[in-house]
């Protein structure tokens, strides 16, 4: 299941990157950049939160995880 999610996110990011670089006009390039920024912030934000929660659990700050 996680592999399917990772492939979906990678495909979405690659498509947005392609549109941001090679869009036919400025509006398409800006839209691709916005989607790429949204995907990047979503992925790095969620990974950062999960990593922080796991580290806090290892240190004993968040018991029960």
C-alpha atoms as a PDB file:
ATOM      1  CA  UNK A   1       0.000   0.000   0.000  1.00  0.00           C
ATOM      2  CA  UNK A   2       2.775   2.427   0.889  1.00  0.00           C
ATOM      3  CA  UNK A   3       4.544   1.653  -2.388  1.00  0.00           C
ATOM      4  CA  UNK A   4       1.457   2.627  -4.366  1.00  0.00           C
ATOM      5  CA  UNK A   5       1.230   5.907  -2.472  1.00  0.00           C
ATOM      6  CA  UNK A   6       4.923   6.606  -3.084  1.00  0.00           C
ATOM      7  CA  UNK A   7       4.566   5.890  -6.804  1.00  0.00           C
ATOM      8  CA  UNK A   8       1.503   8.155  -7.012  1.00  0.00           C
ATOM      9  CA  UNK A   9       3.299  11.033  -5.258  1.00  0.00           C
ATOM     10  CA  UNK A  10       6.420  10.565  -7.398  1.00  0.00           C
ATOM     11  CA  UNK A  11       4.328  10.613 -10.583  1.00  0.00           C
ATOM     12  CA  UNK A  12       2.444  13.692  -9.444  1.00  0.00           C
ATOM     13  CA  UNK A  13       5.673  15.507  -8.581  1.00  0.00           C
ATOM     14  CA  UNK A  14       7.326  14.506 -11.863  1.00  0.00           C
ATOM     15  CA  UNK A  15       4.350  15.701 -13.905  1.00  0.00           C
ATOM     16  CA  UNK A  16       4.182  19.006 -12.036  1.00  0.00           C
ATOM     17  CA  UNK A  17       7.932  19.472 -12.496  1.00  0.00           C
ATOM     18  CA  UNK A  18       7.632  18.806 -16.228  1.00  0.00           C
ATOM     19  CA  UNK A  19       4.792  21.333 -16.574  1.00  0.00           C
ATOM     20  CA  UNK A  20       6.670  23.908 -14.457  1.00  0.00           C
ATOM     21  CA  UNK A  21       9.732  23.590 -16.697  1.00  0.00           C
ATOM     22  CA  UNK A  22       8.215  23.028 -20.123  1.00  0.00           C
ATOM     23  CA  UNK A  23       4.705  24.508 -19.964  1.00  0.00           C
ATOM     24  CA  UNK A  24       3.463  26.128 -23.145  1.00  0.00           C
ATOM     25  CA  UNK A  25       2.885  29.526 -21.558  1.00  0.00           C
ATOM     26  CA  UNK A  26       3.542  31.365 -18.316  1.00  0.00           C
ATOM     27  CA  UNK A  27       0.155  30.458 -16.763  1.00  0.00           C
ATOM     28  CA  UNK A  28       0.741  26.726 -17.242  1.00  0.00           C
ATOM     29  CA  UNK A  29       4.279  26.986 -15.864  1.00  0.00           C
ATOM     30  CA  UNK A  30       3.054  28.866 -12.787  1.00  0.00           C
ATOM     31  CA  UNK A  31       0.294  26.296 -12.209  1.00  0.00           C
ATOM     32  CA  UNK A  32       2.832  23.475 -12.444  1.00  0.00           C
ATOM     33  CA  UNK A  33       5.088  25.270  -9.985  1.00  0.00           C
ATOM     34  CA  UNK A  34       2.204  25.734  -7.524  1.00  0.00           C
ATOM     35  CA  UNK A  35       1.297  22.041  -7.675  1.00  0.00           C
ATOM     36  CA  UNK A  36       4.942  21.052  -7.277  1.00  0.00           C
ATOM     37  CA  UNK A  37       5.271  23.316  -4.239  1.00  0.00           C
ATOM     38  CA  UNK A  38       2.074  21.890  -2.733  1.00  0.00           C
ATOM     39  CA  UNK A  39       3.210  18.291  -3.247  1.00  0.00           C
ATOM     40  CA  UNK A  40       6.674  19.036  -1.872  1.00  0.00           C
ATOM     41  CA  UNK A  41       5.331  20.729   1.261  1.00  0.00           C
ATOM     42  CA  UNK A  42       2.803  17.958   1.849  1.00  0.00           C
ATOM     43  CA  UNK A  43       5.367  15.177   1.568  1.00  0.00           C
ATOM     44  CA  UNK A  44       8.123  16.840   3.549  1.00  0.00           C
ATOM     45  CA  UNK A  45       5.698  18.180   6.139  1.00  0.00           C
ATOM     46  CA  UNK A  46       4.078  14.824   6.862  1.00  0.00           C
ATOM     47  CA  UNK A  47       7.396  12.985   6.907  1.00  0.00           C
ATOM     48  CA  UNK A  48       8.796  15.580   9.284  1.00  0.00           C
ATOM     49  CA  UNK A  49       5.869  15.216  11.678  1.00  0.00           C
ATOM     50  CA  UNK A  50       6.056  11.417  11.656  1.00  0.00           C
ATOM     51  CA  UNK A  51       9.819  11.468  12.205  1.00  0.00           C
ATOM     52  CA  UNK A  52       9.453  13.914  15.084  1.00  0.00           C
ATOM     53  CA  UNK A  53       6.733  11.790  16.684  1.00  0.00           C
ATOM     54  CA  UNK A  54       8.841   8.633  16.394  1.00  0.00           C
ATOM     55  CA  UNK A  55      11.919  10.349  17.865  1.00  0.00           C
ATOM     56  CA  UNK A  56       9.885  11.762  20.752  1.00  0.00           C
ATOM     57  CA  UNK A  57       8.464   8.285  21.351  1.00  0.00           C
ATOM     58  CA  UNK A  58      11.975   6.792  21.380  1.00  0.00           C
ATOM     59  CA  UNK A  59      13.068   9.401  23.909  1.00  0.00           C
ATOM     60  CA  UNK A  60      10.072   8.615  26.114  1.00  0.00           C
ATOM     61  CA  UNK A  61       8.381  12.000  25.718  1.00  0.00           C
ATOM     62  CA  UNK A  62       5.363  10.539  23.900  1.00  0.00           C
ATOM     63  CA  UNK A  63       4.563   7.218  25.565  1.00  0.00           C
ATOM     64  CA  UNK A  64       2.274   4.778  23.807  1.00  0.00           C
ATOM     65  CA  UNK A  65       3.364   5.239  20.193  1.00  0.00           C
END
